[in-house]
Amino acid sequence: MNNAEEQAAEASQTPEKTKKVRGVVYFNVSRCKGCGFCIAFCPPRVLEFSSEFNSQGYNFPRLVNPEGCTGCDLCGLYCPDFAIYAVMLKYSSRPREETARVLEGARQ
């Protein structure tokens, strides 16, 4: 076996390292007025404006890097409309798809 084949064999036997998810962000899209405070005050910079609009015509934030969210909830603390909040998770390795939750039309 040559060197490249040995490296490929080792890589296939080594389990892929998964990143622990530290926080989950919840959005209530219908409450968002697109002020951007959550994006501006997010320490790990994991939020950005979505290209979509809510029912009131505002761009709402979206989570672009779920693994980077710490769950600190500064986004929720600065949101004047209570449209977003984060929860810190301990010892979780949830799949990326389950990290951000969008609550469309939830309790208003």
PDB file of N, CA and C in Angstrom:
ATOM      1  N   MET A   1       0.839  -1.175   0.000  1.00  0.00           N
ATOM      2  CA  MET A   1       0.000   0.000   0.000  1.00  0.00           C
ATOM      3  C   MET A   1       0.883   1.238   0.000  1.00  0.00           C
ATOM      4  N   ASN A   2       0.492   2.216  -0.822  1.00  0.00           N
ATOM      5  CA  ASN A   2       1.297   3.437  -0.826  1.00  0.00           C
ATOM      6  C   ASN A   2       0.784   4.398   0.254  1.00  0.00           C
ATOM      7  N   ASN A   3       1.471   5.494   0.397  1.00  0.00           N
ATOM      8  CA  ASN A   3       1.196   6.439   1.469  1.00  0.00           C
ATOM      9  C   ASN A   3      -0.219   7.019   1.379  1.00  0.00           C
ATOM     10  N   ALA A   4      -0.692   7.350   0.193  1.00  0.00           N
ATOM     11  CA  ALA A   4      -2.027   7.920   0.019  1.00  0.00           C
ATOM     12  C   ALA A   4      -3.109   6.916   0.406  1.00  0.00           C
ATOM     13  N   GLU A   5      -2.912   5.653   0.067  1.00  0.00           N
ATOM     14  CA  GLU A   5      -3.890   4.630   0.418  1.00  0.00           C
ATOM     15  C   GLU A   5      -3.931   4.406   1.925  1.00  0.00           C
ATOM     16  N   GLU A   6      -2.765   4.467   2.580  1.00  0.00           N
ATOM     17  CA  GLU A   6      -2.717   4.308   4.035  1.00  0.00           C
ATOM     18  C   GLU A   6      -3.450   5.446   4.736  1.00  0.00           C
ATOM     19  N   GLN A   7      -3.258   6.680   4.248  1.00  0.00           N
ATOM     20  CA  GLN A   7      -3.936   7.833   4.847  1.00  0.00           C
ATOM     21  C   GLN A   7      -5.441   7.738   4.653  1.00  0.00           C
ATOM     22  N   ALA A   8      -5.879   7.290   3.486  1.00  0.00           N
ATOM     23  CA  ALA A   8      -7.309   7.143   3.219  1.00  0.00           C
ATOM     24  C   ALA A   8      -7.916   6.075   4.123  1.00  0.00           C
ATOM     25  N   ALA A   9      -7.174   4.990   4.345  1.00  0.00           N
ATOM     26  CA  ALA A   9      -7.657   3.924   5.212  1.00  0.00           C
ATOM     27  C   ALA A   9      -7.780   4.409   6.651  1.00  0.00           C
ATOM     28  N   GLU A  10      -6.803   5.191   7.119  1.00  0.00           N
ATOM     29  CA  GLU A  10      -6.841   5.739   8.470  1.00  0.00           C
ATOM     30  C   GLU A  10      -8.006   6.711   8.635  1.00  0.00           C
ATOM     31  N   ALA A  11      -8.234   7.543   7.625  1.00  0.00           N
ATOM     32  CA  ALA A  11      -9.305   8.532   7.686  1.00  0.00           C
ATOM     33  C   ALA A  11     -10.666   7.858   7.748  1.00  0.00           C
ATOM     34  N   SER A  12     -10.812   6.746   7.050  1.00  0.00           N
ATOM     35  CA  SER A  12     -12.105   6.062   7.058  1.00  0.00           C
ATOM     36  C   SER A  12     -12.352   5.350   8.384  1.00  0.00           C
ATOM     37  N   GLN A  13     -11.300   5.014   9.119  1.00  0.00           N
ATOM     38  CA  GLN A  13     -11.458   4.332  10.399  1.00  0.00           C
ATOM     39  C   GLN A  13     -11.602   5.304  11.560  1.00  0.00           C
ATOM     40  N   THR A  14     -11.125   6.518  11.410  1.00  0.00           N
ATOM     41  CA  THR A  14     -11.203   7.512  12.461  1.00  0.00           C
ATOM     42  C   THR A  14     -12.601   8.113  12.478  1.00  0.00           C
ATOM     43  N   PRO A  15     -13.295   8.094  13.611  1.00  0.00           N
ATOM     44  CA  PRO A  15     -14.635   8.679  13.655  1.00  0.00           C
ATOM     45  C   PRO A  15     -14.554  10.188  13.452  1.00  0.00           C
ATOM     46  N   GLU A  16     -15.524  10.702  12.714  1.00  0.00           N
ATOM     47  CA  GLU A  16     -15.547  12.133  12.441  1.00  0.00           C
ATOM     48  C   GLU A  16     -15.897  12.883  13.720  1.00  0.00           C
ATOM     49  N   LYS A  17     -15.154  13.926  13.992  1.00  0.00           N
ATOM     50  CA  LYS A  17     -15.356  14.708  15.201  1.00  0.00           C
ATOM     51  C   LYS A  17     -16.583  15.598  15.021  1.00  0.00           C
ATOM     52  N   THR A  18     -17.520  15.506  15.928  1.00  0.00           N
ATOM     53  CA  THR A  18     -18.712  16.340  15.857  1.00  0.00           C
ATOM     54  C   THR A  18     -18.593  17.468  16.858  1.00  0.00           C
ATOM     55  N   LYS A  19     -19.064  18.633  16.449  1.00  0.00           N
ATOM     56  CA  LYS A  19     -19.026  19.791  17.317  1.00  0.00           C
ATOM     57  C   LYS A  19     -20.245  19.795  18.212  1.00  0.00           C
ATOM     58  N   LYS A  20     -20.050  20.112  19.443  1.00  0.00           N
ATOM     59  CA  LYS A  20     -21.147  20.190  20.395  1.00  0.00           C
ATOM     60  C   LYS A  20     -21.932  21.476  20.162  1.00  0.00           C
ATOM     61  N   VAL A  21     -23.224  21.364  20.158  1.00  0.00           N
ATOM     62  CA  VAL A  21     -24.086  22.524  20.057  1.00  0.00           C
ATOM     63  C   VAL A  21     -24.259  23.071  21.464  1.00  0.00           C
ATOM     64  N   ARG A  22     -23.970  24.359  21.626  1.00  0.00           N
ATOM     65  CA  ARG A  22     -24.028  24.944  22.963  1.00  0.00           C
ATOM     66  C   ARG A  22     -25.281  25.757  23.213  1.00  0.00           C
ATOM     67  N   GLY A  23     -25.963  26.162  22.133  1.00  0.00           N
ATOM     68  CA  GLY A  23     -27.152  26.979  22.304  1.00  0.00           C
ATOM     69  C   GLY A  23     -28.150  26.771  21.186  1.00  0.00           C
ATOM     70  N   VAL A  24     -29.408  27.062  21.485  1.00  0.00           N
ATOM     71  CA  VAL A  24     -30.486  26.978  20.508  1.00  0.00           C
ATOM     72  C   VAL A  24     -31.165  28.340  20.458  1.00  0.00           C
ATOM     73  N   VAL A  25     -31.433  28.814  19.247  1.00  0.00           N
ATOM     74  CA  VAL A  25     -32.097  30.093  19.068  1.00  0.00           C
ATOM     75  C   VAL A  25     -33.528  29.842  18.599  1.00  0.00           C
ATOM     76  N   TYR A  26     -34.464  30.538  19.210  1.00  0.00           N
ATOM     77  CA  TYR A  26     -35.871  30.446  18.838  1.00  0.00           C
ATOM     78  C   TYR A  26     -36.325  31.792  18.283  1.00  0.00           C
ATOM     79  N   PHE A  27     -37.003  31.769  17.147  1.00  0.00           N
ATOM     80  CA  PHE A  27     -37.484  32.983  16.498  1.00  0.00           C
ATOM     81  C   PHE A  27     -39.007  32.981  16.468  1.00  0.00           C
ATOM     82  N   ASN A  28     -39.620  34.128  16.735  1.00  0.00           N
ATOM     83  CA  ASN A  28     -41.036  34.326  16.476  1.00  0.00           C
ATOM     84  C   ASN A  28     -41.085  35.345  15.342  1.00  0.00           C
ATOM     85  N   VAL A  29     -41.114  34.846  14.141  1.00  0.00           N
ATOM     86  CA  VAL A  29     -40.982  35.662  12.937  1.00  0.00           C
ATOM     87  C   VAL A  29     -42.075  36.715  12.844  1.00  0.00           C
ATOM     88  N   SER A  30     -43.280  36.393  13.255  1.00  0.00           N
ATOM     89  CA  SER A  30     -44.383  37.341  13.116  1.00  0.00           C
ATOM     90  C   SER A  30     -44.231  38.560  14.030  1.00  0.00           C
ATOM     91  N   ARG A  31     -43.455  38.459  15.090  1.00  0.00           N
ATOM     92  CA  ARG A  31     -43.232  39.599  15.990  1.00  0.00           C
ATOM     93  C   ARG A  31     -42.083  40.496  15.550  1.00  0.00           C
ATOM     94  N   CYS A  32     -41.196  40.005  14.724  1.00  0.00           N
ATOM     95  CA  CYS A  32     -39.979  40.740  14.370  1.00  0.00           C
ATOM     96  C   CYS A  32     -40.291  41.955  13.500  1.00  0.00           C
ATOM     97  N   LYS A  33     -39.665  43.098  13.842  1.00  0.00           N
ATOM     98  CA  LYS A  33     -39.814  44.301  13.020  1.00  0.00           C
ATOM     99  C   LYS A  33     -38.505  44.667  12.308  1.00  0.00           C
ATOM    100  N   GLY A  34     -37.523  43.779  12.377  1.00  0.00           N
ATOM    101  CA  GLY A  34     -36.291  43.960  11.616  1.00  0.00           C
ATOM    102  C   GLY A  34     -35.367  45.045  12.122  1.00  0.00           C
ATOM    103  N   CYS A  35     -35.362  45.305  13.411  1.00  0.00           N
ATOM    104  CA  CYS A  35     -34.509  46.371  13.957  1.00  0.00           C
ATOM    105  C   CYS A  35     -33.024  46.021  13.888  1.00  0.00           C
ATOM    106  N   GLY A  36     -32.698  44.724  13.972  1.00  0.00           N
ATOM    107  CA  GLY A  36     -31.310  44.298  13.872  1.00  0.00           C
ATOM    108  C   GLY A  36     -30.524  44.322  15.168  1.00  0.00           C
ATOM    109  N   PHE A  37     -31.169  44.626  16.301  1.00  0.00           N
ATOM    110  CA  PHE A  37     -30.452  44.638  17.576  1.00  0.00           C
ATOM    111  C   PHE A  37     -29.857  43.267  17.888  1.00  0.00           C
ATOM    112  N   CYS A  38     -30.603  42.220  17.609  1.00  0.00           N
ATOM    113  CA  CYS A  38     -30.115  40.865  17.904  1.00  0.00           C
ATOM    114  C   CYS A  38     -28.845  40.559  17.112  1.00  0.00           C
ATOM    115  N   ILE A  39     -28.797  41.015  15.893  1.00  0.00           N
ATOM    116  CA  ILE A  39     -27.627  40.782  15.036  1.00  0.00           C
ATOM    117  C   ILE A  39     -26.442  41.605  15.536  1.00  0.00           C
ATOM    118  N   ALA A  40     -26.698  42.852  15.868  1.00  0.00           N
ATOM    119  CA  ALA A  40     -25.630  43.759  16.298  1.00  0.00           C
ATOM    120  C   ALA A  40     -25.001  43.350  17.626  1.00  0.00           C
ATOM    121  N   PHE A  41     -25.801  42.808  18.543  1.00  0.00           N
ATOM    122  CA  PHE A  41     -25.296  42.496  19.878  1.00  0.00           C
ATOM    123  C   PHE A  41     -24.941  41.025  20.086  1.00  0.00           C
ATOM    124  N   CYS A  42     -24.975  40.230  19.055  1.00  0.00           N
ATOM    125  CA  CYS A  42     -24.630  38.809  19.167  1.00  0.00           C
ATOM    126  C   CYS A  42     -23.107  38.665  19.268  1.00  0.00           C
ATOM    127  N   PRO A  43     -22.580  38.228  20.435  1.00  0.00           N
ATOM    128  CA  PRO A  43     -21.121  38.127  20.589  1.00  0.00           C
ATOM    129  C   PRO A  43     -20.443  37.186  19.584  1.00  0.00           C
ATOM    130  N   PRO A  44     -20.976  35.982  19.328  1.00  0.00           N
ATOM    131  CA  PRO A  44     -20.283  35.114  18.368  1.00  0.00           C
ATOM    132  C   PRO A  44     -20.631  35.400  16.900  1.00  0.00           C
ATOM    133  N   ARG A  45     -21.474  36.405  16.650  1.00  0.00           N
ATOM    134  CA  ARG A  45     -21.828  36.815  15.278  1.00  0.00           C
ATOM    135  C   ARG A  45     -22.411  35.669  14.451  1.00  0.00           C
ATOM    136  N   VAL A  46     -23.418  34.993  14.977  1.00  0.00           N
ATOM    137  CA  VAL A  46     -24.014  33.857  14.274  1.00  0.00           C
ATOM    138  C   VAL A  46     -25.351  34.193  13.622  1.00  0.00           C
ATOM    139  N   LEU A  47     -25.798  35.442  13.735  1.00  0.00           N
ATOM    140  CA  LEU A  47     -27.070  35.851  13.146  1.00  0.00           C
ATOM    141  C   LEU A  47     -26.849  36.811  11.986  1.00  0.00           C
ATOM    142  N   GLU A  48     -27.749  36.757  11.021  1.00  0.00           N
ATOM    143  CA  GLU A  48     -27.764  37.724   9.926  1.00  0.00           C
ATOM    144  C   GLU A  48     -29.207  37.850   9.450  1.00  0.00           C
ATOM    145  N   PHE A  49     -29.469  38.917   8.669  1.00  0.00           N
ATOM    146  CA  PHE A  49     -30.820  39.094   8.148  1.00  0.00           C
ATOM    147  C   PHE A  49     -31.114  38.062   7.082  1.00  0.00           C
ATOM    148  N   SER A  50     -32.312  37.532   7.122  1.00  0.00           N
ATOM    149  CA  SER A  50     -32.790  36.602   6.112  1.00  0.00           C
ATOM    150  C   SER A  50     -33.200  37.401   4.870  1.00  0.00           C
ATOM    151  N   SER A  51     -33.226  36.771   3.738  1.00  0.00           N
ATOM    152  CA  SER A  51     -33.700  37.439   2.525  1.00  0.00           C
ATOM    153  C   SER A  51     -35.220  37.364   2.426  1.00  0.00           C
ATOM    154  N   GLU A  52     -35.845  36.602   3.330  1.00  0.00           N
ATOM    155  CA  GLU A  52     -37.297  36.458   3.357  1.00  0.00           C
ATOM    156  C   GLU A  52     -37.924  37.584   4.183  1.00  0.00           C
ATOM    157  N   PHE A  53     -39.230  37.770   3.998  1.00  0.00           N
ATOM    158  CA  PHE A  53     -39.973  38.780   4.737  1.00  0.00           C
ATOM    159  C   PHE A  53     -41.057  38.112   5.575  1.00  0.00           C
ATOM    160  N   ASN A  54     -41.376  38.708   6.716  1.00  0.00           N
ATOM    161  CA  ASN A  54     -42.472  38.188   7.524  1.00  0.00           C
ATOM    162  C   ASN A  54     -43.790  38.785   7.036  1.00  0.00           C
ATOM    163  N   SER A  55     -44.881  38.492   7.716  1.00  0.00           N
ATOM    164  CA  SER A  55     -46.204  38.947   7.275  1.00  0.00           C
ATOM    165  C   SER A  55     -46.363  40.468   7.319  1.00  0.00           C
ATOM    166  N   GLN A  56     -45.510  41.155   8.068  1.00  0.00           N
ATOM    167  CA  GLN A  56     -45.567  42.612   8.156  1.00  0.00           C
ATOM    168  C   GLN A  56     -44.610  43.291   7.182  1.00  0.00           C
ATOM    169  N   GLY A  57     -43.858  42.498   6.438  1.00  0.00           N
ATOM    170  CA  GLY A  57     -42.954  43.045   5.432  1.00  0.00           C
ATOM    171  C   GLY A  57     -41.550  43.335   5.908  1.00  0.00           C
ATOM    172  N   TYR A  58     -41.158  42.799   7.047  1.00  0.00           N
ATOM    173  CA  TYR A  58     -39.817  43.029   7.587  1.00  0.00           C
ATOM    174  C   TYR A  58     -38.919  41.820   7.353  1.00  0.00           C
ATOM    175  N   ASN A  59     -37.633  42.101   7.119  1.00  0.00           N
ATOM    176  CA  ASN A  59     -36.647  41.022   7.104  1.00  0.00           C
ATOM    177  C   ASN A  59     -36.413  40.601   8.545  1.00  0.00           C
ATOM    178  N   PHE A  60     -36.345  39.328   8.775  1.00  0.00           N
ATOM    179  CA  PHE A  60     -36.114  38.816  10.125  1.00  0.00           C
ATOM    180  C   PHE A  60     -34.747  38.122  10.158  1.00  0.00           C
ATOM    181  N   PRO A  61     -34.170  37.933  11.342  1.00  0.00           N
ATOM    182  CA  PRO A  61     -32.854  37.300  11.429  1.00  0.00           C
ATOM    183  C   PRO A  61     -32.931  35.801  11.188  1.00  0.00           C
ATOM    184  N   ARG A  62     -31.796  35.243  10.844  1.00  0.00           N
ATOM    185  CA  ARG A  62     -31.669  33.796  10.710  1.00  0.00           C
ATOM    186  C   ARG A  62     -30.328  33.393  11.296  1.00  0.00           C
ATOM    187  N   LEU A  63     -30.244  32.156  11.721  1.00  0.00           N
ATOM    188  CA  LEU A  63     -29.027  31.616  12.316  1.00  0.00           C
ATOM    189  C   LEU A  63     -28.150  31.061  11.208  1.00  0.00           C
ATOM    190  N   VAL A  64     -26.951  31.617  11.034  1.00  0.00           N
ATOM    191  CA  VAL A  64     -26.074  31.179   9.945  1.00  0.00           C
ATOM    192  C   VAL A  64     -25.020  30.177  10.402  1.00  0.00           C
ATOM    193  N   ASN A  65     -24.730  30.148  11.689  1.00  0.00           N
ATOM    194  CA  ASN A  65     -23.718  29.234  12.200  1.00  0.00           C
ATOM    195  C   ASN A  65     -24.198  28.634  13.519  1.00  0.00           C
ATOM    196  N   PRO A  66     -25.032  27.587  13.456  1.00  0.00           N
ATOM    197  CA  PRO A  66     -25.589  27.016  14.687  1.00  0.00           C
ATOM    198  C   PRO A  66     -24.540  26.524  15.677  1.00  0.00           C
ATOM    199  N   GLU A  67     -23.425  26.010  15.180  1.00  0.00           N
ATOM    200  CA  GLU A  67     -22.390  25.502  16.084  1.00  0.00           C
ATOM    201  C   GLU A  67     -21.726  26.620  16.876  1.00  0.00           C
ATOM    202  N   GLY A  68     -21.822  27.846  16.382  1.00  0.00           N
ATOM    203  CA  GLY A  68     -21.180  28.969  17.054  1.00  0.00           C
ATOM    204  C   GLY A  68     -22.024  29.603  18.138  1.00  0.00           C
ATOM    205  N   CYS A  69     -23.321  29.298  18.163  1.00  0.00           N
ATOM    206  CA  CYS A  69     -24.212  29.903  19.158  1.00  0.00           C
ATOM    207  C   CYS A  69     -23.873  29.381  20.551  1.00  0.00           C
ATOM    208  N   THR A  70     -23.717  30.303  21.484  1.00  0.00           N
ATOM    209  CA  THR A  70     -23.391  29.929  22.860  1.00  0.00           C
ATOM    210  C   THR A  70     -24.624  29.871  23.754  1.00  0.00           C
ATOM    211  N   GLY A  71     -25.755  30.350  23.258  1.00  0.00           N
ATOM    212  CA  GLY A  71     -26.965  30.368  24.065  1.00  0.00           C
ATOM    213  C   GLY A  71     -26.963  31.455  25.125  1.00  0.00           C
ATOM    214  N   CYS A  72     -26.201  32.491  24.928  1.00  0.00           N
ATOM    215  CA  CYS A  72     -26.065  33.553  25.928  1.00  0.00           C
ATOM    216  C   CYS A  72     -27.336  34.384  26.086  1.00  0.00           C
ATOM    217  N   ASP A  73     -28.200  34.395  25.095  1.00  0.00           N
ATOM    218  CA  ASP A  73     -29.482  35.101  25.074  1.00  0.00           C
ATOM    219  C   ASP A  73     -29.354  36.617  25.045  1.00  0.00           C
ATOM    220  N   LEU A  74     -28.230  37.155  24.617  1.00  0.00           N
ATOM    221  CA  LEU A  74     -28.149  38.603  24.442  1.00  0.00           C
ATOM    222  C   LEU A  74     -29.091  39.054  23.334  1.00  0.00           C
ATOM    223  N   CYS A  75     -29.290  38.220  22.338  1.00  0.00           N
ATOM    224  CA  CYS A  75     -30.227  38.548  21.269  1.00  0.00           C
ATOM    225  C   CYS A  75     -31.618  38.786  21.852  1.00  0.00           C
ATOM    226  N   GLY A  76     -32.035  37.923  22.752  1.00  0.00           N
ATOM    227  CA  GLY A  76     -33.344  38.056  23.375  1.00  0.00           C
ATOM    228  C   GLY A  76     -33.436  39.222  24.339  1.00  0.00           C
ATOM    229  N   LEU A  77     -32.354  39.501  25.036  1.00  0.00           N
ATOM    230  CA  LEU A  77     -32.359  40.606  25.992  1.00  0.00           C
ATOM    231  C   LEU A  77     -32.472  41.956  25.305  1.00  0.00           C
ATOM    232  N   TYR A  78     -31.893  42.095  24.116  1.00  0.00           N
ATOM    233  CA  TYR A  78     -31.937  43.361  23.402  1.00  0.00           C
ATOM    234  C   TYR A  78     -33.143  43.502  22.482  1.00  0.00           C
ATOM    235  N   CYS A  79     -33.869  42.428  22.230  1.00  0.00           N
ATOM    236  CA  CYS A  79     -35.008  42.486  21.312  1.00  0.00           C
ATOM    237  C   CYS A  79     -36.177  43.221  21.964  1.00  0.00           C
ATOM    238  N   PRO A  80     -36.592  44.366  21.408  1.00  0.00           N
ATOM    239  CA  PRO A  80     -37.690  45.122  22.016  1.00  0.00           C
ATOM    240  C   PRO A  80     -39.062  44.462  21.826  1.00  0.00           C
ATOM    241  N   ASP A  81     -39.167  43.520  20.908  1.00  0.00           N
ATOM    242  CA  ASP A  81     -40.450  42.894  20.607  1.00  0.00           C
ATOM    243  C   ASP A  81     -40.548  41.444  21.067  1.00  0.00           C
ATOM    244  N   PHE A  82     -39.554  40.961  21.790  1.00  0.00           N
ATOM    245  CA  PHE A  82     -39.534  39.579  22.284  1.00  0.00           C
ATOM    246  C   PHE A  82     -39.741  38.569  21.149  1.00  0.00           C
ATOM    247  N   ALA A  83     -39.077  38.830  20.030  1.00  0.00           N
ATOM    248  CA  ALA A  83     -39.225  37.987  18.842  1.00  0.00           C
ATOM    249  C   ALA A  83     -38.159  36.907  18.759  1.00  0.00           C
ATOM    250  N   ILE A  84     -37.181  36.943  19.644  1.00  0.00           N
ATOM    251  CA  ILE A  84     -36.073  35.989  19.589  1.00  0.00           C
ATOM    252  C   ILE A  84     -35.583  35.717  21.003  1.00  0.00           C
ATOM    253  N   TYR A  85     -35.140  34.503  21.230  1.00  0.00           N
ATOM    254  CA  TYR A  85     -34.454  34.194  22.479  1.00  0.00           C
ATOM    255  C   TYR A  85     -33.582  32.965  22.267  1.00  0.00           C
ATOM    256  N   ALA A  86     -32.605  32.815  23.104  1.00  0.00           N
ATOM    257  CA  ALA A  86     -31.676  31.691  23.013  1.00  0.00           C
ATOM    258  C   ALA A  86     -31.663  30.943  24.333  1.00  0.00           C
ATOM    259  N   VAL A  87     -31.388  29.654  24.234  1.00  0.00           N
ATOM    260  CA  VAL A  87     -31.316  28.798  25.410  1.00  0.00           C
ATOM    261  C   VAL A  87     -29.971  28.080  25.386  1.00  0.00           C
ATOM    262  N   MET A  88     -29.283  28.108  26.512  1.00  0.00           N
ATOM    263  CA  MET A  88     -27.997  27.433  26.616  1.00  0.00           C
ATOM    264  C   MET A  88     -28.231  25.942  26.865  1.00  0.00           C
ATOM    265  N   LEU A  89     -27.539  25.120  26.112  1.00  0.00           N
ATOM    266  CA  LEU A  89     -27.639  23.670  26.273  1.00  0.00           C
ATOM    267  C   LEU A  89     -26.374  23.151  26.922  1.00  0.00           C
ATOM    268  N   LYS A  90     -26.520  22.173  27.762  1.00  0.00           N
ATOM    269  CA  LYS A  90     -25.359  21.540  28.381  1.00  0.00           C
ATOM    270  C   LYS A  90     -25.223  20.139  27.832  1.00  0.00           C
ATOM    271  N   TYR A  91     -24.055  19.817  27.360  1.00  0.00           N
ATOM    272  CA  TYR A  91     -23.716  18.469  26.901  1.00  0.00           C
ATOM    273  C   TYR A  91     -24.672  17.946  25.832  1.00  0.00           C
ATOM    274  N   SER A  92     -24.881  18.730  24.799  1.00  0.00           N
ATOM    275  CA  SER A  92     -25.772  18.307  23.723  1.00  0.00           C
ATOM    276  C   SER A  92     -25.031  18.293  22.404  1.00  0.00           C
ATOM    277  N   SER A  93     -25.384  17.363  21.558  1.00  0.00           N
ATOM    278  CA  SER A  93     -24.823  17.339  20.211  1.00  0.00           C
ATOM    279  C   SER A  93     -25.967  17.130  19.231  1.00  0.00           C
ATOM    280  N   ARG A  94     -26.911  18.073  19.232  1.00  0.00           N
ATOM    281  CA  ARG A  94     -28.059  17.999  18.345  1.00  0.00           C
ATOM    282  C   ARG A  94     -27.633  18.194  16.901  1.00  0.00           C
ATOM    283  N   PRO A  95     -28.361  17.618  15.985  1.00  0.00           N
ATOM    284  CA  PRO A  95     -28.068  17.864  14.577  1.00  0.00           C
ATOM    285  C   PRO A  95     -28.296  19.329  14.230  1.00  0.00           C
ATOM    286  N   ARG A  96     -27.588  19.793  13.251  1.00  0.00           N
ATOM    287  CA  ARG A  96     -27.651  21.183  12.849  1.00  0.00           C
ATOM    288  C   ARG A  96     -29.076  21.625  12.490  1.00  0.00           C
ATOM    289  N   GLU A  97     -29.851  20.737  11.864  1.00  0.00           N
ATOM    290  CA  GLU A  97     -31.190  21.091  11.413  1.00  0.00           C
ATOM    291  C   GLU A  97     -32.118  21.424  12.580  1.00  0.00           C
ATOM    292  N   GLU A  98     -31.847  20.896  13.757  1.00  0.00           N
ATOM    293  CA  GLU A  98     -32.721  21.103  14.899  1.00  0.00           C
ATOM    294  C   GLU A  98     -32.290  22.281  15.764  1.00  0.00           C
ATOM    295  N   THR A  99     -31.268  23.000  15.378  1.00  0.00           N
ATOM    296  CA  THR A  99     -30.710  24.010  16.250  1.00  0.00           C
ATOM    297  C   THR A  99     -31.520  25.299  16.281  1.00  0.00           C
ATOM    298  N   ALA A 100     -32.016  25.769  15.166  1.00  0.00           N
ATOM    299  CA  ALA A 100     -32.810  26.991  15.138  1.00  0.00           C
ATOM    300  C   ALA A 100     -34.280  26.620  14.981  1.00  0.00           C
ATOM    301  N   ARG A 101     -35.089  27.226  15.760  1.00  0.00           N
ATOM    302  CA  ARG A 101     -36.516  26.963  15.688  1.00  0.00           C
ATOM    303  C   ARG A 101     -37.228  28.250  15.291  1.00  0.00           C
ATOM    304  N   VAL A 102     -38.122  28.161  14.345  1.00  0.00           N
ATOM    305  CA  VAL A 102     -38.883  29.311  13.902  1.00  0.00           C
ATOM    306  C   VAL A 102     -40.328  29.115  14.337  1.00  0.00           C
ATOM    307  N   LEU A 103     -40.819  30.069  15.071  1.00  0.00           N
ATOM    308  CA  LEU A 103     -42.191  30.018  15.579  1.00  0.00           C
ATOM    309  C   LEU A 103     -43.020  31.010  14.774  1.00  0.00           C
ATOM    310  N   GLU A 104     -43.643  30.573  13.722  1.00  0.00           N
ATOM    311  CA  GLU A 104     -44.465  31.438  12.869  1.00  0.00           C
ATOM    312  C   GLU A 104     -45.851  31.551  13.466  1.00  0.00           C
ATOM    313  N   GLY A 105     -46.253  32.763  13.803  1.00  0.00           N
ATOM    314  CA  GLY A 105     -47.596  32.998  14.310  1.00  0.00           C
ATOM    315  C   GLY A 105     -47.839  32.448  15.701  1.00  0.00           C
ATOM    316  N   ALA A 106     -46.798  32.242  16.476  1.00  0.00           N
ATOM    317  CA  ALA A 106     -46.961  31.749  17.846  1.00  0.00           C
ATOM    318  C   ALA A 106     -47.586  32.864  18.697  1.00  0.00           C
ATOM    319  N   ARG A 107     -47.848  32.557  19.927  1.00  0.00           N
ATOM    320  CA  ARG A 107     -48.509  33.528  20.823  1.00  0.00           C
ATOM    321  C   ARG A 107     -48.037  34.944  20.560  1.00  0.00           C
ATOM    322  N   GLN A 108     -48.970  35.824  20.293  1.00  0.00           N
ATOM    323  CA  GLN A 108     -48.600  37.210  19.966  1.00  0.00           C
ATOM    324  C   GLN A 108     -48.923  38.142  21.070  1.00  0.00           C
TER     325      GLN A 108
END
